[in-house]
Amino acid sequence: MTESSEWLIYRGAGEPHEGLDRLPPPPPWRDFSGRSTEESGAGDRSEDRRLGAHRHLAELHRPGAEELEMINAALYLRRPLLVTGSPGAGKSTLAHSVAYELGLGNVLRWSIVSRSTLQDGLYHYDAIARLQDVQIAAQGGFGSAAGSPGAVEGIGSYVRLGPLGTALLPSPTPRVLLIDELDKSDIDLPNDLLNVLEEGEFAIPELERVADRLPDGEAEVLTADGVKVRVRDGRVRCNAFPFVVLTSNGERDFPAPLMRRCIHLELGRPDHNRLATFVRAHLGDEAARAGDDLINRFLERSRSELLATDQLLNAIYLTDAAAPTSRESFADLLIQRLDRPR
C-alpha cells in the first residue's frame, strides 16, 4: 500500500481484512455511542452533537446585536421565531443554544417533509391497534369490560403526542420546539399552523368524545419524549407558550398571516471569527488553528458559491484524521457547491 493510501479503510481489493480496527473515533457531531435510555444521558449527547463537545472553550452560537434582539423579542412576545438563511448558517443550532443557556430541557424537533401535516405535529391516534385489541378481547370473552384490551378507559394508550402537541402541554417553563425546514412543506401547512400558534391549544377529538366516560375526564397519553402525561377533557392547553423556532432555507415565500405572527430573523453569511468559533466548539482549539487555511478557502469560495458550514467541519476533521496527501484538493472534494447545475 502506498503512503498516500494508508488512511484508506475500504480498499476495493475484494479481499476481507481487519482494517476497520484502524477507523478513528467518529466526529463529535456524528457520535451516537453515548445514547442512553435515561433522559439526561440522551440529552447530553444531543447537546454535544448540536452545540459542540468543546463548547466550554467557545460558544458555538455567538449572535450579533440584531440576532440577540430578535431572539429576545420572540421570548418577550411569546411569538414564534422564523429563522431564514442558507444551509448550515446555524438556524437549527439557535434553538439548541437557547434551550441550553436557559435550561429549558431537550429540544423538541419536528422535521418537515413534503407530506407533513398539522396532524403529524399534534398527535397520532392508532385506531387500527385499538380495533385489533377490541377484537382480541371479544374473542377472549372479555367484551368491552373495564380493563380489557381496547376498553374506553385505556384509550389514551393509543394516542401519542407529536413534537408540537408535546410543546403545548401545560408546563411552568416553556419548551423549545424546532420546526425544521418549513419551506419543504406543501402549500397548506403554514396556514394550518396559524390557529394553533395563535391560541396555544388544540383538541383531540378521539378523547373529547369519551371524556365523560373517563376517570375524572382524564386519559394518559404518551408524549414525543416518551413520557406519559394526563390530558383532561381531550384538550391540550399550554400555560407557558413554547419558544418555537421555524427554520427555512428561503426556497419559498410564506403567507402574510404567518409572517405577521412571527418574529423574522435573517441569518447572513458567517465571517471568519464565527466560523473559527464554530470549528473550535466542535473540534477544539488545535483543530481551529490547524484548519485556518481551510476556513479562509471556504470564505473565499462562499462569496460566489453556496456552501454549508458542516461541509467545512467535515473537511477539517477528515484532513486531520486521515492526513491525505493533497490537503486542499481533498477538502475541495468534500466542500462541493450546493447550487451547481445538476
Protein backbone atom coordinates (compact mmCIF):
# COMPACT_ATOMS: atom_id res chain seq x y z
CA MET A 1 0.00 0.00 0.00
CA THR A 2 1.41 3.40 -0.93
CA GLU A 3 1.86 6.14 1.67
CA SER A 4 -0.89 8.24 0.10
CA SER A 5 -3.42 5.42 0.53
CA GLU A 6 -2.52 4.34 4.06
CA TRP A 7 -5.52 6.15 5.50
CA LEU A 8 -7.98 4.11 3.39
CA ILE A 9 -10.10 1.64 5.36
CA TYR A 10 -12.05 0.23 2.41
CA ARG A 11 -9.52 -0.53 -0.34
CA GLY A 12 -11.71 -2.03 -3.07
CA ALA A 13 -9.37 -5.01 -3.34
CA GLY A 14 -12.09 -7.63 -2.92
CA GLU A 15 -10.23 -9.34 -0.06
CA PRO A 16 -11.53 -9.41 3.56
CA HIS A 17 -9.28 -7.75 6.13
CA GLU A 18 -9.46 -6.25 9.63
CA GLY A 19 -8.87 -2.66 8.60
CA LEU A 20 -11.98 -1.47 10.43
CA ASP A 21 -9.97 -1.65 13.64
CA ARG A 22 -7.96 1.34 12.36
CA LEU A 23 -11.04 3.52 11.99
CA PRO A 24 -10.67 6.50 14.37
CA PRO A 25 -13.47 7.70 16.68
CA PRO A 26 -16.33 9.42 14.82
CA PRO A 27 -16.56 13.19 14.52
CA PRO A 28 -18.24 14.58 17.67
CA TRP A 29 -21.31 15.67 15.68
CA ARG A 30 -21.75 12.10 14.37
CA ASP A 31 -21.09 10.25 17.63
CA PHE A 32 -24.18 8.30 18.71
CA SER A 33 -22.38 5.95 21.12
CA GLY A 34 -23.47 7.83 24.24
CA ARG A 35 -27.18 7.32 23.66
CA SER A 36 -28.96 6.19 26.78
CA THR A 37 -32.45 5.25 27.86
CA GLU A 38 -32.08 7.82 30.61
CA GLU A 39 -33.30 11.26 29.61
CA SER A 40 -30.27 13.10 30.96
CA GLY A 41 -27.77 10.90 29.14
CA ALA A 42 -29.56 11.22 25.81
CA GLY A 43 -29.89 14.95 26.24
CA ASP A 44 -26.20 15.46 26.99
CA ARG A 45 -25.18 13.54 23.85
CA SER A 46 -27.61 15.55 21.72
CA GLU A 47 -26.18 18.81 23.08
CA ASP A 48 -22.65 17.64 22.27
CA ARG A 49 -23.61 16.87 18.70
CA ARG A 50 -25.52 20.13 18.21
CA LEU A 51 -23.53 22.64 20.23
CA GLY A 52 -20.11 21.00 20.20
CA ALA A 53 -18.22 18.76 22.59
CA HIS A 54 -15.79 21.66 23.22
CA ARG A 55 -18.40 24.34 23.82
CA HIS A 56 -16.70 25.13 27.14
CA LEU A 57 -13.89 26.62 25.02
CA ALA A 58 -16.14 28.62 22.70
CA GLU A 59 -19.84 29.21 22.37
CA LEU A 60 -20.99 27.77 19.05
CA HIS A 61 -23.65 30.40 18.53
CA ARG A 62 -22.35 33.91 19.01
CA PRO A 63 -25.25 36.08 17.93
CA GLY A 64 -24.80 39.64 16.81
CA ALA A 65 -26.76 42.54 18.26
CA GLU A 66 -29.65 42.21 15.79
CA GLU A 67 -29.91 38.47 16.32
CA LEU A 68 -30.00 38.91 20.09
CA GLU A 69 -32.72 41.49 19.78
CA MET A 70 -34.90 39.29 17.57
CA ILE A 71 -34.43 36.22 19.77
CA ASN A 72 -35.34 38.16 22.88
CA ALA A 73 -38.28 39.82 21.12
CA ALA A 74 -39.67 36.33 20.43
CA LEU A 75 -39.13 35.36 24.07
CA TYR A 76 -40.80 38.51 25.41
CA LEU A 77 -43.74 38.47 22.99
CA ARG A 78 -44.27 34.69 23.13
CA ARG A 79 -44.19 34.64 19.35
CA PRO A 80 -42.59 32.05 17.03
CA LEU A 81 -39.17 32.96 15.65
CA LEU A 82 -38.89 32.41 11.88
CA VAL A 83 -35.20 32.00 11.02
CA THR A 84 -34.15 32.06 7.39
CA GLY A 85 -30.72 31.65 5.84
CA SER A 86 -28.56 29.42 3.70
CA PRO A 87 -27.93 25.75 4.63
CA GLY A 88 -25.50 25.41 7.53
CA ALA A 89 -25.91 29.00 8.70
CA GLY A 90 -26.78 27.88 12.24
CA LYS A 91 -30.58 28.11 12.10
CA SER A 92 -31.28 24.83 13.89
CA THR A 93 -28.40 25.35 16.31
CA LEU A 94 -30.04 28.55 17.52
CA ALA A 95 -32.90 26.58 19.11
CA HIS A 96 -30.46 24.29 20.93
CA SER A 97 -28.38 27.26 22.07
CA VAL A 98 -31.42 28.98 23.64
CA ALA A 99 -32.58 25.76 25.31
CA TYR A 100 -29.09 25.10 26.69
CA GLU A 101 -28.47 28.60 28.01
CA LEU A 102 -31.92 28.99 29.61
CA GLY A 103 -32.13 25.44 30.96
CA LEU A 104 -35.30 24.58 29.04
CA GLY A 105 -34.56 20.87 28.57
CA ASN A 106 -34.24 18.85 25.39
CA VAL A 107 -35.33 20.49 22.16
CA LEU A 108 -38.44 19.02 20.55
CA ARG A 109 -37.76 18.62 16.83
CA TRP A 110 -40.30 18.39 14.04
CA SER A 111 -38.50 17.85 10.73
CA ILE A 112 -40.79 18.88 7.88
CA VAL A 113 -41.09 16.96 4.62
CA SER A 114 -43.40 17.49 1.66
CA ARG A 115 -46.01 15.14 3.16
CA SER A 116 -46.05 16.66 6.66
CA THR A 117 -49.45 17.73 8.00
CA LEU A 118 -50.57 19.60 11.10
CA GLN A 119 -51.87 16.31 12.47
CA ASP A 120 -48.33 14.86 12.39
CA GLY A 121 -47.11 17.62 14.66
CA LEU A 122 -50.03 17.46 17.10
CA TYR A 123 -50.74 13.78 17.76
CA HIS A 124 -51.28 10.32 16.30
CA TYR A 125 -54.20 8.08 17.21
CA ASP A 126 -53.65 4.40 16.43
CA ALA A 127 -57.19 3.33 15.59
CA ILE A 128 -56.04 0.09 13.95
CA ALA A 129 -54.20 -1.08 17.07
CA ARG A 130 -57.25 -0.33 19.20
CA LEU A 131 -59.54 -2.21 16.82
CA GLN A 132 -57.25 -5.22 16.94
CA ASP A 133 -57.27 -5.15 20.74
CA VAL A 134 -61.07 -4.93 20.82
CA GLN A 135 -61.30 -7.95 18.52
CA ILE A 136 -58.85 -9.90 20.68
CA ALA A 137 -60.86 -9.02 23.78
CA ALA A 138 -64.09 -10.12 22.13
CA GLN A 139 -62.57 -13.45 21.09
CA GLY A 140 -61.37 -13.97 24.67
CA GLY A 141 -64.80 -13.31 26.09
CA PHE A 142 -63.85 -10.00 27.75
CA GLY A 143 -66.11 -7.81 25.60
CA SER A 144 -65.76 -4.12 26.46
CA ALA A 145 -65.36 -4.66 30.21
CA ALA A 146 -63.23 -2.13 32.09
CA GLY A 147 -59.58 -3.07 31.95
CA SER A 148 -59.95 -5.25 28.88
CA PRO A 149 -57.84 -4.52 25.77
CA GLY A 150 -59.30 -1.63 23.78
CA ALA A 151 -61.64 -0.50 26.59
CA VAL A 152 -62.56 3.17 26.73
CA GLU A 153 -60.64 3.68 29.98
CA GLY A 154 -57.39 2.82 28.22
CA ILE A 155 -57.94 4.85 25.05
CA GLY A 156 -55.03 7.12 25.95
CA SER A 157 -52.58 4.28 25.31
CA TYR A 158 -53.39 4.59 21.60
CA VAL A 159 -52.55 8.31 21.50
CA ARG A 160 -49.04 9.72 21.11
CA LEU A 161 -48.45 13.46 21.02
CA GLY A 162 -46.22 14.85 18.30
CA PRO A 163 -43.50 17.48 18.86
CA LEU A 164 -45.91 20.41 18.55
CA GLY A 165 -48.52 18.71 20.72
CA THR A 166 -45.90 17.96 23.39
CA ALA A 167 -44.64 21.56 23.34
CA LEU A 168 -48.18 22.80 24.10
CA LEU A 169 -48.61 20.70 27.25
CA PRO A 170 -49.06 22.81 30.40
CA SER A 171 -45.66 23.43 31.96
CA PRO A 172 -44.22 26.00 34.38
CA THR A 173 -41.49 26.87 31.85
CA PRO A 174 -41.70 26.88 28.06
CA ARG A 175 -40.41 24.00 25.97
CA VAL A 176 -38.25 24.71 22.93
CA LEU A 177 -39.73 23.46 19.66
CA LEU A 178 -37.76 23.37 16.42
CA ILE A 179 -39.93 23.16 13.29
CA ASP A 180 -37.15 22.50 10.83
CA GLU A 181 -37.23 23.39 7.11
CA LEU A 182 -40.81 24.62 6.93
CA ASP A 183 -40.19 25.62 3.33
CA LYS A 184 -40.16 21.90 2.44
CA SER A 185 -43.86 21.56 3.36
CA ASP A 186 -46.80 21.54 1.00
CA ILE A 187 -48.67 24.78 0.40
CA ASP A 188 -51.26 24.25 3.17
CA LEU A 189 -49.16 23.58 6.27
CA PRO A 190 -48.06 27.19 7.02
CA ASN A 191 -51.71 28.29 7.02
CA ASP A 192 -52.77 25.23 9.03
CA LEU A 193 -50.36 26.24 11.79
CA LEU A 194 -51.94 29.67 12.29
CA ASN A 195 -54.70 28.83 14.74
CA VAL A 196 -52.63 26.51 16.94
CA LEU A 197 -49.75 29.00 17.18
CA GLU A 198 -52.20 31.81 17.95
CA GLU A 199 -54.34 30.03 20.54
CA GLY A 200 -51.75 27.75 22.13
CA GLU A 201 -54.18 24.84 22.37
CA PHE A 202 -55.77 22.05 20.36
CA ALA A 203 -58.34 19.30 20.76
CA ILE A 204 -58.01 15.54 20.45
CA PRO A 205 -61.50 14.55 19.19
CA GLU A 206 -60.97 10.86 19.96
CA LEU A 207 -60.56 11.77 23.65
CA GLU A 208 -63.15 14.54 23.70
CA ARG A 209 -65.89 12.14 22.58
CA VAL A 210 -65.38 9.83 25.55
CA ALA A 211 -64.20 12.34 28.19
CA ASP A 212 -67.37 11.83 30.26
CA ARG A 213 -66.61 8.10 30.46
CA LEU A 214 -63.02 8.53 31.63
CA PRO A 215 -61.96 8.74 35.30
CA ASP A 216 -62.04 12.48 36.12
CA GLY A 217 -62.22 13.06 32.36
CA GLU A 218 -58.52 12.26 32.02
CA ALA A 219 -56.62 9.98 29.66
CA GLU A 220 -52.95 9.03 29.98
CA VAL A 221 -51.11 9.57 26.70
CA LEU A 222 -47.51 9.34 25.53
CA THR A 223 -45.50 12.44 24.64
CA ALA A 224 -42.92 12.86 21.87
CA ASP A 225 -40.33 12.49 24.67
CA GLY A 226 -41.72 9.06 25.56
CA VAL A 227 -43.19 10.28 28.87
CA LYS A 228 -46.74 9.51 29.99
CA VAL A 229 -48.89 12.54 30.85
CA ARG A 230 -52.58 13.04 31.61
CA VAL A 231 -54.82 15.02 29.24
CA ARG A 232 -58.09 16.34 30.65
CA ASP A 233 -61.33 16.60 28.64
CA GLY A 234 -59.48 15.81 25.42
CA ARG A 235 -57.82 19.22 25.15
CA VAL A 236 -54.19 20.28 25.41
CA ARG A 237 -53.63 23.89 26.58
CA CYS A 238 -50.29 25.48 27.28
CA ASN A 239 -49.80 27.86 30.20
CA ALA A 240 -46.29 28.88 29.07
CA PHE A 241 -46.16 29.34 25.31
CA PRO A 242 -43.22 27.35 23.90
CA PHE A 243 -40.22 29.00 22.29
CA VAL A 244 -40.90 28.00 18.70
CA VAL A 245 -38.15 28.24 16.08
CA LEU A 246 -39.25 27.77 12.48
CA THR A 247 -36.40 27.46 10.01
CA SER A 248 -36.35 27.99 6.26
CA ASN A 249 -33.66 27.85 3.59
CA GLY A 250 -35.53 30.54 1.70
CA GLU A 251 -36.82 28.21 -1.02
CA ARG A 252 -40.32 29.74 -0.89
CA ASP A 253 -42.29 32.66 0.49
CA PHE A 254 -44.73 32.24 3.36
CA PRO A 255 -48.27 33.70 3.59
CA ALA A 256 -48.66 37.10 5.22
CA PRO A 257 -50.85 35.77 8.09
CA LEU A 258 -47.98 33.52 9.21
CA MET A 259 -45.37 36.25 8.79
CA ARG A 260 -47.29 38.69 10.98
CA ARG A 261 -47.49 36.11 13.76
CA CYS A 262 -43.73 35.52 13.73
CA ILE A 263 -40.59 37.43 14.57
CA HIS A 264 -38.40 37.18 11.47
CA LEU A 265 -34.63 36.75 11.71
CA GLU A 266 -32.42 36.51 8.64
CA LEU A 267 -29.04 34.87 9.27
CA GLY A 268 -26.32 36.19 7.00
CA ARG A 269 -23.14 34.54 5.80
CA PRO A 270 -20.79 33.77 8.73
CA ASP A 271 -17.48 35.63 8.93
CA HIS A 272 -14.05 34.20 9.78
CA ASN A 273 -14.44 34.70 13.52
CA ARG A 274 -17.77 32.90 13.63
CA LEU A 275 -16.52 30.01 11.51
CA ALA A 276 -13.44 29.65 13.71
CA THR A 277 -15.67 29.63 16.79
CA PHE A 278 -17.85 27.01 15.13
CA VAL A 279 -14.84 24.75 14.46
CA ARG A 280 -13.41 25.37 17.94
CA ALA A 281 -16.69 24.37 19.63
CA HIS A 282 -16.76 21.02 17.83
CA LEU A 283 -13.10 20.11 17.38
CA GLY A 284 -11.15 22.23 19.88
CA ASP A 285 -8.54 24.99 19.67
CA GLU A 286 -5.86 22.97 17.94
CA ALA A 287 -8.16 21.94 15.09
CA ALA A 288 -9.32 25.53 14.66
CA ARG A 289 -5.73 26.73 14.33
CA ALA A 290 -4.71 23.90 12.00
CA GLY A 291 -7.78 24.43 9.85
CA ASP A 292 -7.39 28.19 9.44
CA ASP A 293 -6.29 27.79 5.82
CA LEU A 294 -9.42 25.77 5.04
CA ILE A 295 -11.59 28.39 6.78
CA ASN A 296 -10.08 31.11 4.59
CA ARG A 297 -10.55 28.99 1.48
CA PHE A 298 -14.15 28.29 2.49
CA LEU A 299 -14.84 32.02 2.94
CA GLU A 300 -13.30 32.84 -0.43
CA ARG A 301 -15.38 30.24 -2.25
CA SER A 302 -18.59 31.13 -0.39
CA ARG A 303 -18.57 34.61 -1.96
CA SER A 304 -19.67 33.06 -5.25
CA GLU A 305 -20.83 29.57 -4.28
CA LEU A 306 -23.50 28.19 -1.95
CA LEU A 307 -21.67 26.20 0.73
CA ALA A 308 -22.67 24.81 4.13
CA THR A 309 -20.61 25.15 7.30
CA ASP A 310 -20.97 21.47 8.18
CA GLN A 311 -19.02 20.76 4.98
CA LEU A 312 -16.18 22.80 6.46
CA LEU A 313 -16.32 20.74 9.66
CA ASN A 314 -16.15 17.52 7.66
CA ALA A 315 -13.14 18.76 5.72
CA ILE A 316 -11.16 19.93 8.76
CA TYR A 317 -11.87 16.75 10.70
CA LEU A 318 -11.03 14.37 7.87
CA THR A 319 -7.92 16.14 6.61
CA ASP A 320 -6.60 15.92 10.17
CA ALA A 321 -7.72 12.34 10.94
CA ALA A 322 -6.82 10.84 7.57
CA ALA A 323 -3.96 13.18 6.58
CA PRO A 324 -4.37 12.73 2.82
CA THR A 325 -1.50 13.78 0.56
CA SER A 326 -3.23 16.73 -1.09
CA ARG A 327 -4.98 18.59 1.71
CA GLU A 328 -6.62 21.37 -0.32
CA SER A 329 -7.81 19.25 -3.23
CA PHE A 330 -9.23 16.67 -0.81
CA ALA A 331 -11.04 19.43 1.09
CA ASP A 332 -12.49 20.72 -2.19
CA LEU A 333 -13.93 17.27 -2.86
CA LEU A 334 -15.76 17.41 0.46
CA ILE A 335 -16.85 21.04 0.13
CA GLN A 336 -18.81 20.96 -3.09
CA ARG A 337 -21.08 23.82 -4.04
CA LEU A 338 -24.75 23.17 -3.33
CA ASP A 339 -26.08 25.42 -6.09
CA ARG A 340 -24.29 23.90 -9.06
CA PRO A 341 -26.42 22.79 -12.04
CA ARG A 342 -27.44 19.13 -11.92
